[in-house]
Structure formats: structure tokens, C-alpha cells
PDB file of all heavy atoms in Angstrom:
ATOM      1  N   SER A   1     107.348 123.614  38.665  1.00  0.00           N
ATOM      2  CA  SER A   1     108.181 123.175  37.544  1.00  0.00           C
ATOM      3  C   SER A   1     109.555 123.827  37.648  1.00  0.00           C
ATOM      4  O   SER A   1     109.704 124.959  38.087  1.00  0.00           O
ATOM      5  CB  SER A   1     107.512 123.516  36.209  1.00  0.00           C
ATOM      6  OG  SER A   1     107.425 124.903  36.059  1.00  0.00           O
ATOM      7  N   GLY A   2     110.560 123.077  37.277  1.00  0.00           N
ATOM      8  CA  GLY A   2     111.925 123.602  37.313  1.00  0.00           C
ATOM      9  C   GLY A   2     112.618 123.448  38.654  1.00  0.00           C
ATOM     10  O   GLY A   2     113.750 123.894  38.800  1.00  0.00           O
ATOM     11  N   VAL A   3     111.972 122.837  39.644  1.00  0.00           N
ATOM     12  CA  VAL A   3     112.619 122.649  40.938  1.00  0.00           C
ATOM     13  C   VAL A   3     113.424 121.351  40.922  1.00  0.00           C
ATOM     14  O   VAL A   3     113.244 120.492  40.069  1.00  0.00           O
ATOM     15  CB  VAL A   3     111.592 122.618  42.105  1.00  0.00           C
ATOM     16  CG1 VAL A   3     110.843 123.932  42.204  1.00  0.00           C
ATOM     17  CG2 VAL A   3     110.635 121.471  41.966  1.00  0.00           C
ATOM     18  N   MET A   4     114.303 121.217  41.882  1.00  0.00           N
ATOM     19  CA  MET A   4     115.109 120.002  41.990  1.00  0.00           C
ATOM     20  C   MET A   4     114.194 118.795  42.176  1.00  0.00           C
ATOM     21  O   MET A   4     113.161 118.893  42.832  1.00  0.00           O
ATOM     22  CB  MET A   4     116.066 120.103  43.177  1.00  0.00           C
ATOM     23  CG  MET A   4     117.134 121.160  43.018  1.00  0.00           C
ATOM     24  SD  MET A   4     118.263 120.808  41.664  1.00  0.00           S
ATOM     25  CE  MET A   4     119.109 119.373  42.287  1.00  0.00           C
ATOM     26  N   PRO A   5     114.573 117.652  41.614  1.00  0.00           N
ATOM     27  CA  PRO A   5     113.732 116.459  41.768  1.00  0.00           C
ATOM     28  C   PRO A   5     113.720 115.971  43.211  1.00  0.00           C
ATOM     29  O   PRO A   5     114.650 116.213  43.977  1.00  0.00           O
ATOM     30  CB  PRO A   5     114.391 115.433  40.846  1.00  0.00           C
ATOM     31  CG  PRO A   5     115.755 115.925  40.610  1.00  0.00           C
ATOM     32  CD  PRO A   5     115.749 117.412  40.806  1.00  0.00           C
ATOM     33  N   ASP A   6     112.661 115.269  43.564  1.00  0.00           N
ATOM     34  CA  ASP A   6     112.548 114.674  44.883  1.00  0.00           C
ATOM     35  C   ASP A   6     113.593 113.577  45.024  1.00  0.00           C
ATOM     36  O   ASP A   6     114.052 113.009  44.037  1.00  0.00           O
ATOM     37  CB  ASP A   6     111.167 114.057  45.075  1.00  0.00           C
ATOM     38  CG  ASP A   6     110.058 115.090  45.003  1.00  0.00           C
ATOM     39  OD1 ASP A   6     110.359 116.291  44.834  1.00  0.00           O
ATOM     40  OD2 ASP A   6     108.901 114.704  45.126  1.00  0.00           O
ATOM     41  N   SER A   7     113.950 113.281  46.270  1.00  0.00           N
ATOM     42  CA  SER A   7     114.904 112.206  46.487  1.00  0.00           C
ATOM     43  C   SER A   7     114.603 111.490  47.798  1.00  0.00           C
ATOM     44  O   SER A   7     113.948 112.031  48.687  1.00  0.00           O
ATOM     45  CB  SER A   7     116.340 112.735  46.502  1.00  0.00           C
ATOM     46  OG  SER A   7     116.544 113.570  47.611  1.00  0.00           O
ATOM     47  N   ILE A   8     115.081 110.279  47.872  1.00  0.00           N
ATOM     48  CA  ILE A   8     115.011 109.482  49.085  1.00  0.00           C
ATOM     49  C   ILE A   8     116.430 109.088  49.438  1.00  0.00           C
ATOM     50  O   ILE A   8     117.161 108.546  48.606  1.00  0.00           O
ATOM     51  CB  ILE A   8     114.143 108.228  48.886  1.00  0.00           C
ATOM     52  CG1 ILE A   8     112.688 108.629  48.668  1.00  0.00           C
ATOM     53  CG2 ILE A   8     114.278 107.278  50.078  1.00  0.00           C
ATOM     54  CD1 ILE A   8     111.775 107.481  48.297  1.00  0.00           C
ATOM     55  N   LEU A   9     116.824 109.406  50.661  1.00  0.00           N
ATOM     56  CA  LEU A   9     118.135 109.012  51.155  1.00  0.00           C
ATOM     57  C   LEU A   9     117.956 107.844  52.111  1.00  0.00           C
ATOM     58  O   LEU A   9     117.087 107.876  52.986  1.00  0.00           O
ATOM     59  CB  LEU A   9     118.813 110.171  51.896  1.00  0.00           C
ATOM     60  CG  LEU A   9     119.071 111.440  51.089  1.00  0.00           C
ATOM     61  CD1 LEU A   9     119.673 112.511  51.983  1.00  0.00           C
ATOM     62  CD2 LEU A   9     119.977 111.154  49.909  1.00  0.00           C
ATOM     63  N   ILE A  10     118.766 106.826  51.950  1.00  0.00           N
ATOM     64  CA  ILE A  10     118.787 105.674  52.837  1.00  0.00           C
ATOM     65  C   ILE A  10     120.127 105.725  53.577  1.00  0.00           C
ATOM     66  O   ILE A  10     121.183 105.790  52.947  1.00  0.00           O
ATOM     67  CB  ILE A  10     118.658 104.349  52.049  1.00  0.00           C
ATOM     68  CG1 ILE A  10     117.360 104.342  51.248  1.00  0.00           C
ATOM     69  CG2 ILE A  10     118.755 103.148  52.979  1.00  0.00           C
ATOM     70  CD1 ILE A  10     116.100 104.475  52.073  1.00  0.00           C
ATOM     71  N   PHE A  11     120.083 105.702  54.912  1.00  0.00           N
ATOM     72  CA  PHE A  11     121.291 105.847  55.717  1.00  0.00           C
ATOM     73  C   PHE A  11     121.829 104.469  56.114  1.00  0.00           C
ATOM     74  O   PHE A  11     121.354 103.821  57.048  1.00  0.00           O
ATOM     75  CB  PHE A  11     121.005 106.731  56.933  1.00  0.00           C
ATOM     76  CG  PHE A  11     120.539 108.105  56.521  1.00  0.00           C
ATOM     77  CD1 PHE A  11     119.273 108.544  56.835  1.00  0.00           C
ATOM     78  CD2 PHE A  11     121.359 108.935  55.777  1.00  0.00           C
ATOM     79  CE1 PHE A  11     118.837 109.801  56.441  1.00  0.00           C
ATOM     80  CE2 PHE A  11     120.938 110.190  55.374  1.00  0.00           C
ATOM     81  CZ  PHE A  11     119.668 110.630  55.704  1.00  0.00           C
ATOM     82  N   GLN A  12     122.824 104.037  55.374  1.00  0.00           N
ATOM     83  CA  GLN A  12     123.364 102.682  55.461  1.00  0.00           C
ATOM     84  C   GLN A  12     123.797 102.299  56.874  1.00  0.00           C
ATOM     85  O   GLN A  12     123.410 101.255  57.387  1.00  0.00           O
ATOM     86  CB  GLN A  12     124.538 102.541  54.500  1.00  0.00           C
ATOM     87  CG  GLN A  12     125.173 101.169  54.550  1.00  0.00           C
ATOM     88  CD  GLN A  12     126.332 101.029  53.582  1.00  0.00           C
ATOM     89  OE1 GLN A  12     126.523 101.859  52.703  1.00  0.00           O
ATOM     90  NE2 GLN A  12     127.109  99.985  53.749  1.00  0.00           N
ATOM     91  N   ARG A  13     124.636 103.106  57.506  1.00  0.00           N
ATOM     92  CA  ARG A  13     125.185 102.733  58.819  1.00  0.00           C
ATOM     93  C   ARG A  13     124.080 102.598  59.863  1.00  0.00           C
ATOM     94  O   ARG A  13     124.119 101.698  60.693  1.00  0.00           O
ATOM     95  CB  ARG A  13     126.225 103.742  59.290  1.00  0.00           C
ATOM     96  CG  ARG A  13     127.433 103.820  58.412  1.00  0.00           C
ATOM     97  CD  ARG A  13     128.287 102.583  58.582  1.00  0.00           C
ATOM     98  NE  ARG A  13     129.462 102.706  57.752  1.00  0.00           N
ATOM     99  CZ  ARG A  13     130.067 101.692  57.209  1.00  0.00           C
ATOM    100  NH1 ARG A  13     129.645 100.476  57.410  1.00  0.00           N
ATOM    101  NH2 ARG A  13     131.117 101.867  56.455  1.00  0.00           N
ATOM    102  N   ASN A  14     123.095 103.481  59.826  1.00  0.00           N
ATOM    103  CA  ASN A  14     122.011 103.405  60.806  1.00  0.00           C
ATOM    104  C   ASN A  14     121.166 102.152  60.612  1.00  0.00           C
ATOM    105  O   ASN A  14     120.762 101.509  61.579  1.00  0.00           O
ATOM    106  CB  ASN A  14     121.144 104.660  60.752  1.00  0.00           C
ATOM    107  CG  ASN A  14     121.873 105.876  61.278  1.00  0.00           C
ATOM    108  OD1 ASN A  14     123.008 105.787  61.721  1.00  0.00           O
ATOM    109  ND2 ASN A  14     121.221 107.017  61.224  1.00  0.00           N
ATOM    110  N   ILE A  15     120.904 101.812  59.355  1.00  0.00           N
ATOM    111  CA  ILE A  15     120.135 100.597  59.098  1.00  0.00           C
ATOM    112  C   ILE A  15     120.943  99.368  59.524  1.00  0.00           C
ATOM    113  O   ILE A  15     120.399  98.438  60.127  1.00  0.00           O
ATOM    114  CB  ILE A  15     119.709 100.520  57.618  1.00  0.00           C
ATOM    115  CG1 ILE A  15     118.603 101.563  57.367  1.00  0.00           C
ATOM    116  CG2 ILE A  15     119.223  99.115  57.263  1.00  0.00           C
ATOM    117  CD1 ILE A  15     118.089 101.628  55.954  1.00  0.00           C
ATOM    118  N   GLU A  16     122.240  99.378  59.268  1.00  0.00           N
ATOM    119  CA  GLU A  16     123.070  98.255  59.695  1.00  0.00           C
ATOM    120  C   GLU A  16     123.062  98.087  61.215  1.00  0.00           C
ATOM    121  O   GLU A  16     123.119  96.966  61.723  1.00  0.00           O
ATOM    122  CB  GLU A  16     124.506  98.440  59.195  1.00  0.00           C
ATOM    123  CG  GLU A  16     124.644  98.272  57.699  1.00  0.00           C
ATOM    124  CD  GLU A  16     126.022  98.622  57.174  1.00  0.00           C
ATOM    125  OE1 GLU A  16     126.811  99.295  57.876  1.00  0.00           O
ATOM    126  OE2 GLU A  16     126.307  98.217  56.031  1.00  0.00           O
ATOM    127  N   LEU A  17     122.953  99.198  61.939  1.00  0.00           N
ATOM    128  CA  LEU A  17     122.938  99.128  63.400  1.00  0.00           C
ATOM    129  C   LEU A  17     121.701  98.425  63.955  1.00  0.00           C
ATOM    130  O   LEU A  17     121.756  97.826  65.028  1.00  0.00           O
ATOM    131  CB  LEU A  17     123.030 100.537  64.010  1.00  0.00           C
ATOM    132  CG  LEU A  17     124.396 101.199  63.978  1.00  0.00           C
ATOM    133  CD1 LEU A  17     124.292 102.649  64.429  1.00  0.00           C
ATOM    134  CD2 LEU A  17     125.380 100.443  64.861  1.00  0.00           C
ATOM    135  N   VAL A  18     120.585  98.502  63.257  1.00  0.00           N
ATOM    136  CA  VAL A  18     119.353  97.907  63.773  1.00  0.00           C
ATOM    137  C   VAL A  18     119.079  96.515  63.217  1.00  0.00           C
ATOM    138  O   VAL A  18     118.074  95.902  63.556  1.00  0.00           O
ATOM    139  CB  VAL A  18     118.122  98.824  63.532  1.00  0.00           C
ATOM    140  CG1 VAL A  18     118.303 100.166  64.216  1.00  0.00           C
ATOM    141  CG2 VAL A  18     117.849  99.008  62.050  1.00  0.00           C
ATOM    142  N   CYS A  19     119.985  96.007  62.393  1.00  0.00           N
ATOM    143  CA  CYS A  19     119.781  94.701  61.768  1.00  0.00           C
ATOM    144  C   CYS A  19     120.853  93.709  62.213  1.00  0.00           C
ATOM    145  O   CYS A  19     122.015  94.080  62.391  1.00  0.00           O
ATOM    146  CB  CYS A  19     119.817  94.829  60.247  1.00  0.00           C
ATOM    147  SG  CYS A  19     118.498  95.868  59.608  1.00  0.00           S
ATOM    148  N   ASN A  20     120.441  92.458  62.373  1.00  0.00           N
ATOM    149  CA  ASN A  20     121.365  91.415  62.808  1.00  0.00           C
ATOM    150  C   ASN A  20     121.682  90.395  61.717  1.00  0.00           C
ATOM    151  O   ASN A  20     122.480  89.486  61.950  1.00  0.00           O
ATOM    152  CB  ASN A  20     120.789  90.672  64.018  1.00  0.00           C
ATOM    153  CG  ASN A  20     120.701  91.589  65.216  1.00  0.00           C
ATOM    154  OD1 ASN A  20     121.640  92.284  65.537  1.00  0.00           O
ATOM    155  ND2 ASN A  20     119.545  91.605  65.859  1.00  0.00           N
ATOM    156  N   SER A  21     121.037  90.504  60.581  1.00  0.00           N
ATOM    157  CA  SER A  21     121.285  89.545  59.498  1.00  0.00           C
ATOM    158  C   SER A  21     121.021  90.203  58.157  1.00  0.00           C
ATOM    159  O   SER A  21     120.420  91.271  58.084  1.00  0.00           O
ATOM    160  CB  SER A  21     120.376  88.321  59.650  1.00  0.00           C
ATOM    161  OG  SER A  21     119.027  88.679  59.404  1.00  0.00           O
ATOM    162  N   ARG A  22     121.449  89.527  57.109  1.00  0.00           N
ATOM    163  CA  ARG A  22     121.199  90.033  55.756  1.00  0.00           C
ATOM    164  C   ARG A  22     119.699  90.105  55.479  1.00  0.00           C
ATOM    165  O   ARG A  22     119.220  91.069  54.895  1.00  0.00           O
ATOM    166  CB  ARG A  22     121.888  89.148  54.722  1.00  0.00           C
ATOM    167  CG  ARG A  22     121.636  89.573  53.293  1.00  0.00           C
ATOM    168  CD  ARG A  22     122.545  88.836  52.324  1.00  0.00           C
ATOM    169  NE  ARG A  22     122.191  89.008  50.958  1.00  0.00           N
ATOM    170  CZ  ARG A  22     122.252  90.145  50.259  1.00  0.00           C
ATOM    171  NH1 ARG A  22     122.663  91.241  50.843  1.00  0.00           N
ATOM    172  NH2 ARG A  22     121.910  90.189  48.990  1.00  0.00           N
ATOM    173  N   ALA A  23     118.960  89.111  55.928  1.00  0.00           N
ATOM    174  CA  ALA A  23     117.510  89.101  55.715  1.00  0.00           C
ATOM    175  C   ALA A  23     116.851  90.301  56.406  1.00  0.00           C
ATOM    176  O   ALA A  23     115.978  90.951  55.826  1.00  0.00           O
ATOM    177  CB  ALA A  23     116.903  87.792  56.228  1.00  0.00           C
ATOM    178  N   GLU A  24     117.268  90.601  57.633  1.00  0.00           N
ATOM    179  CA  GLU A  24     116.733  91.773  58.333  1.00  0.00           C
ATOM    180  C   GLU A  24     117.108  93.057  57.598  1.00  0.00           C
ATOM    181  O   GLU A  24     116.304  93.977  57.511  1.00  0.00           O
ATOM    182  CB  GLU A  24     117.265  91.838  59.763  1.00  0.00           C
ATOM    183  CG  GLU A  24     116.611  90.882  60.717  1.00  0.00           C
ATOM    184  CD  GLU A  24     117.115  91.062  62.143  1.00  0.00           C
ATOM    185  OE1 GLU A  24     117.684  92.116  62.477  1.00  0.00           O
ATOM    186  OE2 GLU A  24     116.956  90.107  62.927  1.00  0.00           O
ATOM    187  N   LEU A  25     118.315  93.118  57.090  1.00  0.00           N
ATOM    188  CA  LEU A  25     118.784  94.298  56.366  1.00  0.00           C
ATOM    189  C   LEU A  25     117.933  94.548  55.123  1.00  0.00           C
ATOM    190  O   LEU A  25     117.468  95.674  54.892  1.00  0.00           O
ATOM    191  CB  LEU A  25     120.257  94.130  55.986  1.00  0.00           C
ATOM    192  CG  LEU A  25     120.892  95.317  55.303  1.00  0.00           C
ATOM    193  CD1 LEU A  25     121.246  96.381  56.326  1.00  0.00           C
ATOM    194  CD2 LEU A  25     122.132  94.885  54.548  1.00  0.00           C
ATOM    195  N   VAL A  26     117.708  93.496  54.346  1.00  0.00           N
ATOM    196  CA  VAL A  26     116.885  93.615  53.139  1.00  0.00           C
ATOM    197  C   VAL A  26     115.477  94.070  53.505  1.00  0.00           C
ATOM    198  O   VAL A  26     114.919  94.966  52.876  1.00  0.00           O
ATOM    199  CB  VAL A  26     116.862  92.273  52.365  1.00  0.00           C
ATOM    200  CG1 VAL A  26     115.818  92.289  51.267  1.00  0.00           C
ATOM    201  CG2 VAL A  26     118.244  91.975  51.795  1.00  0.00           C
ATOM    202  N   ASP A  27     114.907  93.480  54.547  1.00  0.00           N
ATOM    203  CA  ASP A  27     113.561  93.838  54.976  1.00  0.00           C
ATOM    204  C   ASP A  27     113.497  95.278  55.471  1.00  0.00           C
ATOM    205  O   ASP A  27     112.563  96.020  55.145  1.00  0.00           O
ATOM    206  CB  ASP A  27     113.094  92.877  56.075  1.00  0.00           C
ATOM    207  CG  ASP A  27     111.645  93.094  56.438  1.00  0.00           C
ATOM    208  OD1 ASP A  27     110.783  93.073  55.526  1.00  0.00           O
ATOM    209  OD2 ASP A  27     111.364  93.286  57.643  1.00  0.00           O
ATOM    210  N   GLU A  28     114.495  95.708  56.224  1.00  0.00           N
ATOM    211  CA  GLU A  28     114.489  97.080  56.765  1.00  0.00           C
ATOM    212  C   GLU A  28     114.660  98.110  55.661  1.00  0.00           C
ATOM    213  O   GLU A  28     114.019  99.165  55.691  1.00  0.00           O
ATOM    214  CB  GLU A  28     115.587  97.245  57.820  1.00  0.00           C
ATOM    215  CG  GLU A  28     115.504  98.551  58.572  1.00  0.00           C
ATOM    216  CD  GLU A  28     114.177  98.729  59.297  1.00  0.00           C
ATOM    217  OE1 GLU A  28     113.797  97.851  60.072  1.00  0.00           O
ATOM    218  OE2 GLU A  28     113.523  99.781  59.077  1.00  0.00           O
ATOM    219  N   VAL A  29     115.506  97.828  54.686  1.00  0.00           N
ATOM    220  CA  VAL A  29     115.662  98.755  53.557  1.00  0.00           C
ATOM    221  C   VAL A  29     114.337  98.876  52.808  1.00  0.00           C
ATOM    222  O   VAL A  29     113.896  99.975  52.476  1.00  0.00           O
ATOM    223  CB  VAL A  29     116.803  98.313  52.611  1.00  0.00           C
ATOM    224  CG1 VAL A  29     116.771  99.105  51.315  1.00  0.00           C
ATOM    225  CG2 VAL A  29     118.151  98.475  53.302  1.00  0.00           C
ATOM    226  N   ARG A  30     113.681  97.753  52.574  1.00  0.00           N
ATOM    227  CA  ARG A  30     112.385  97.766  51.888  1.00  0.00           C
ATOM    228  C   ARG A  30     111.368  98.604  52.660  1.00  0.00           C
ATOM    229  O   ARG A  30     110.703  99.463  52.098  1.00  0.00           O
ATOM    230  CB  ARG A  30     111.877  96.331  51.729  1.00  0.00           C
ATOM    231  CG  ARG A  30     110.545  96.232  51.035  1.00  0.00           C
ATOM    232  CD  ARG A  30     110.042  94.774  51.019  1.00  0.00           C
ATOM    233  NE  ARG A  30     108.687  94.709  50.562  1.00  0.00           N
ATOM    234  CZ  ARG A  30     107.614  94.972  51.320  1.00  0.00           C
ATOM    235  NH1 ARG A  30     107.764  95.306  52.570  1.00  0.00           N
ATOM    236  NH2 ARG A  30     106.414  94.905  50.824  1.00  0.00           N
ATOM    237  N   LYS A  31     111.254  98.354  53.967  1.00  0.00           N
ATOM    238  CA  LYS A  31     110.297  99.110  54.790  1.00  0.00           C
ATOM    239  C   LYS A  31     110.627 100.602  54.811  1.00  0.00           C
ATOM    240  O   LYS A  31     109.729 101.441  54.740  1.00  0.00           O
ATOM    241  CB  LYS A  31     110.268  98.567  56.218  1.00  0.00           C
ATOM    242  CG  LYS A  31     109.587  97.225  56.331  1.00  0.00           C
ATOM    243  CD  LYS A  31     109.329  96.820  57.770  1.00  0.00           C
ATOM    244  CE  LYS A  31     110.592  96.613  58.537  1.00  0.00           C
ATOM    245  NZ  LYS A  31     110.382  96.019  59.873  1.00  0.00           N
ATOM    246  N   THR A  32     111.911 100.914  54.895  1.00  0.00           N
ATOM    247  CA  THR A  32     112.323 102.321  54.951  1.00  0.00           C
ATOM    248  C   THR A  32     112.015 103.030  53.637  1.00  0.00           C
ATOM    249  O   THR A  32     111.481 104.146  53.635  1.00  0.00           O
ATOM    250  CB  THR A  32     113.822 102.433  55.299  1.00  0.00           C
ATOM    251  OG1 THR A  32     114.042 101.790  56.567  1.00  0.00           O
ATOM    252  CG2 THR A  32     114.260 103.886  55.385  1.00  0.00           C
ATOM    253  N   VAL A  33     112.326 102.390  52.520  1.00  0.00           N
ATOM    254  CA  VAL A  33     112.031 103.001  51.218  1.00  0.00           C
ATOM    255  C   VAL A  33     110.519 103.203  51.063  1.00  0.00           C
ATOM    256  O   VAL A  33     110.068 104.268  50.644  1.00  0.00           O
ATOM    257  CB  VAL A  33     112.609 102.165  50.054  1.00  0.00           C
ATOM    258  CG1 VAL A  33     112.089 102.659  48.710  1.00  0.00           C
ATOM    259  CG2 VAL A  33     114.133 102.213  50.076  1.00  0.00           C
ATOM    260  N   LEU A  34     109.730 102.191  51.407  1.00  0.00           N
ATOM    261  CA  LEU A  34     108.271 102.330  51.311  1.00  0.00           C
ATOM    262  C   LEU A  34     107.750 103.443  52.223  1.00  0.00           C
ATOM    263  O   LEU A  34     106.856 104.207  51.840  1.00  0.00           O
ATOM    264  CB  LEU A  34     107.579 101.009  51.634  1.00  0.00           C
ATOM    265  CG  LEU A  34     107.739  99.922  50.577  1.00  0.00           C
ATOM    266  CD1 LEU A  34     107.156  98.603  51.080  1.00  0.00           C
ATOM    267  CD2 LEU A  34     107.107 100.330  49.258  1.00  0.00           C
ATOM    268  N   HIS A  35     108.316 103.558  53.418  1.00  0.00           N
ATOM    269  CA  HIS A  35     107.925 104.636  54.331  1.00  0.00           C
ATOM    270  C   HIS A  35     108.214 105.999  53.704  1.00  0.00           C
ATOM    271  O   HIS A  35     107.368 106.906  53.742  1.00  0.00           O
ATOM    272  CB  HIS A  35     108.668 104.495  55.661  1.00  0.00           C
ATOM    273  CG  HIS A  35     108.459 105.631  56.589  1.00  0.00           C
ATOM    274  ND1 HIS A  35     107.421 105.675  57.493  1.00  0.00           N
ATOM    275  CD2 HIS A  35     109.140 106.797  56.727  1.00  0.00           C
ATOM    276  CE1 HIS A  35     107.476 106.822  58.150  1.00  0.00           C
ATOM    277  NE2 HIS A  35     108.510 107.520  57.713  1.00  0.00           N
ATOM    278  N   GLU A  36     109.400 106.151  53.141  1.00  0.00           N
ATOM    279  CA  GLU A  36     109.769 107.434  52.537  1.00  0.00           C
ATOM    280  C   GLU A  36     108.927 107.726  51.296  1.00  0.00           C
ATOM    281  O   GLU A  36     108.554 108.873  51.057  1.00  0.00           O
ATOM    282  CB  GLU A  36     111.268 107.469  52.218  1.00  0.00           C
ATOM    283  CG  GLU A  36     112.170 107.305  53.437  1.00  0.00           C
ATOM    284  CD  GLU A  36     111.868 108.252  54.584  1.00  0.00           C
ATOM    285  OE1 GLU A  36     111.420 109.390  54.351  1.00  0.00           O
ATOM    286  OE2 GLU A  36     112.073 107.841  55.742  1.00  0.00           O
ATOM    287  N   ILE A  37     108.602 106.705  50.510  1.00  0.00           N
ATOM    288  CA  ILE A  37     107.701 106.896  49.370  1.00  0.00           C
ATOM    289  C   ILE A  37     106.347 107.397  49.862  1.00  0.00           C
ATOM    290  O   ILE A  37     105.701 108.231  49.220  1.00  0.00           O
ATOM    291  CB  ILE A  37     107.556 105.589  48.561  1.00  0.00           C
ATOM    292  CG1 ILE A  37     108.840 105.332  47.765  1.00  0.00           C
ATOM    293  CG2 ILE A  37     106.356 105.647  47.624  1.00  0.00           C
ATOM    294  CD1 ILE A  37     108.891 103.971  47.088  1.00  0.00           C
ATOM    295  N   GLY A  38     105.924 106.920  51.012  1.00  0.00           N
ATOM    296  CA  GLY A  38     104.666 107.393  51.606  1.00  0.00           C
ATOM    297  C   GLY A  38     104.634 108.894  51.790  1.00  0.00           C
ATOM    298  O   GLY A  38     103.588 109.532  51.627  1.00  0.00           O
ATOM    299  N   HIS A  39     105.764 109.487  52.115  1.00  0.00           N
ATOM    300  CA  HIS A  39     105.824 110.951  52.248  1.00  0.00           C
ATOM    301  C   HIS A  39     105.551 111.650  50.920  1.00  0.00           C
ATOM    302  O   HIS A  39     105.008 112.745  50.895  1.00  0.00           O
ATOM    303  CB  HIS A  39     107.183 111.399  52.800  1.00  0.00           C
ATOM    304  CG  HIS A  39     107.414 111.017  54.215  1.00  0.00           C
ATOM    305  ND1 HIS A  39     106.687 111.541  55.254  1.00  0.00           N
ATOM    306  CD2 HIS A  39     108.283 110.136  54.763  1.00  0.00           C
ATOM    307  CE1 HIS A  39     107.109 111.029  56.393  1.00  0.00           C
ATOM    308  NE2 HIS A  39     108.074 110.156  56.118  1.00  0.00           N
ATOM    309  N   HIS A  40     105.931 111.005  49.843  1.00  0.00           N
ATOM    310  CA  HIS A  40     105.694 111.571  48.501  1.00  0.00           C
ATOM    311  C   HIS A  40     104.211 111.629  48.171  1.00  0.00           C
ATOM    312  O   HIS A  40     103.752 112.531  47.487  1.00  0.00           O
ATOM    313  CB  HIS A  40     106.440 110.717  47.466  1.00  0.00           C
ATOM    314  CG  HIS A  40     106.318 111.191  46.059  1.00  0.00           C
ATOM    315  ND1 HIS A  40     106.847 112.388  45.645  1.00  0.00           N
ATOM    316  CD2 HIS A  40     105.744 110.628  44.974  1.00  0.00           C
ATOM    317  CE1 HIS A  40     106.591 112.539  44.345  1.00  0.00           C
ATOM    318  NE2 HIS A  40     105.922 111.495  43.919  1.00  0.00           N
TER     319      HIS A  40
END
């Protein structure tokens, strides 16, 4: 109790580098957020 809250950082430029379209970008952000939530 009293510690800093947990956080998830999403690295925009890196995700943009691996995506070729808006649809891929949306999908990759979703997968990345879910992956990071898994760590929680």
C-alpha cells in the first residue's frame, strides 16, 4: 500500500515500425496492451 500505481507504456514509434496499415496498427496495439496486462 502507498506505492506508485502500476502502468503500461506503449511505444508508438516501435509499433509503427512493425505495422504497414492502420488495421495492423490497431491490432498490434491491442495485442501489446493485452500482453502487458498479462504481466499484471
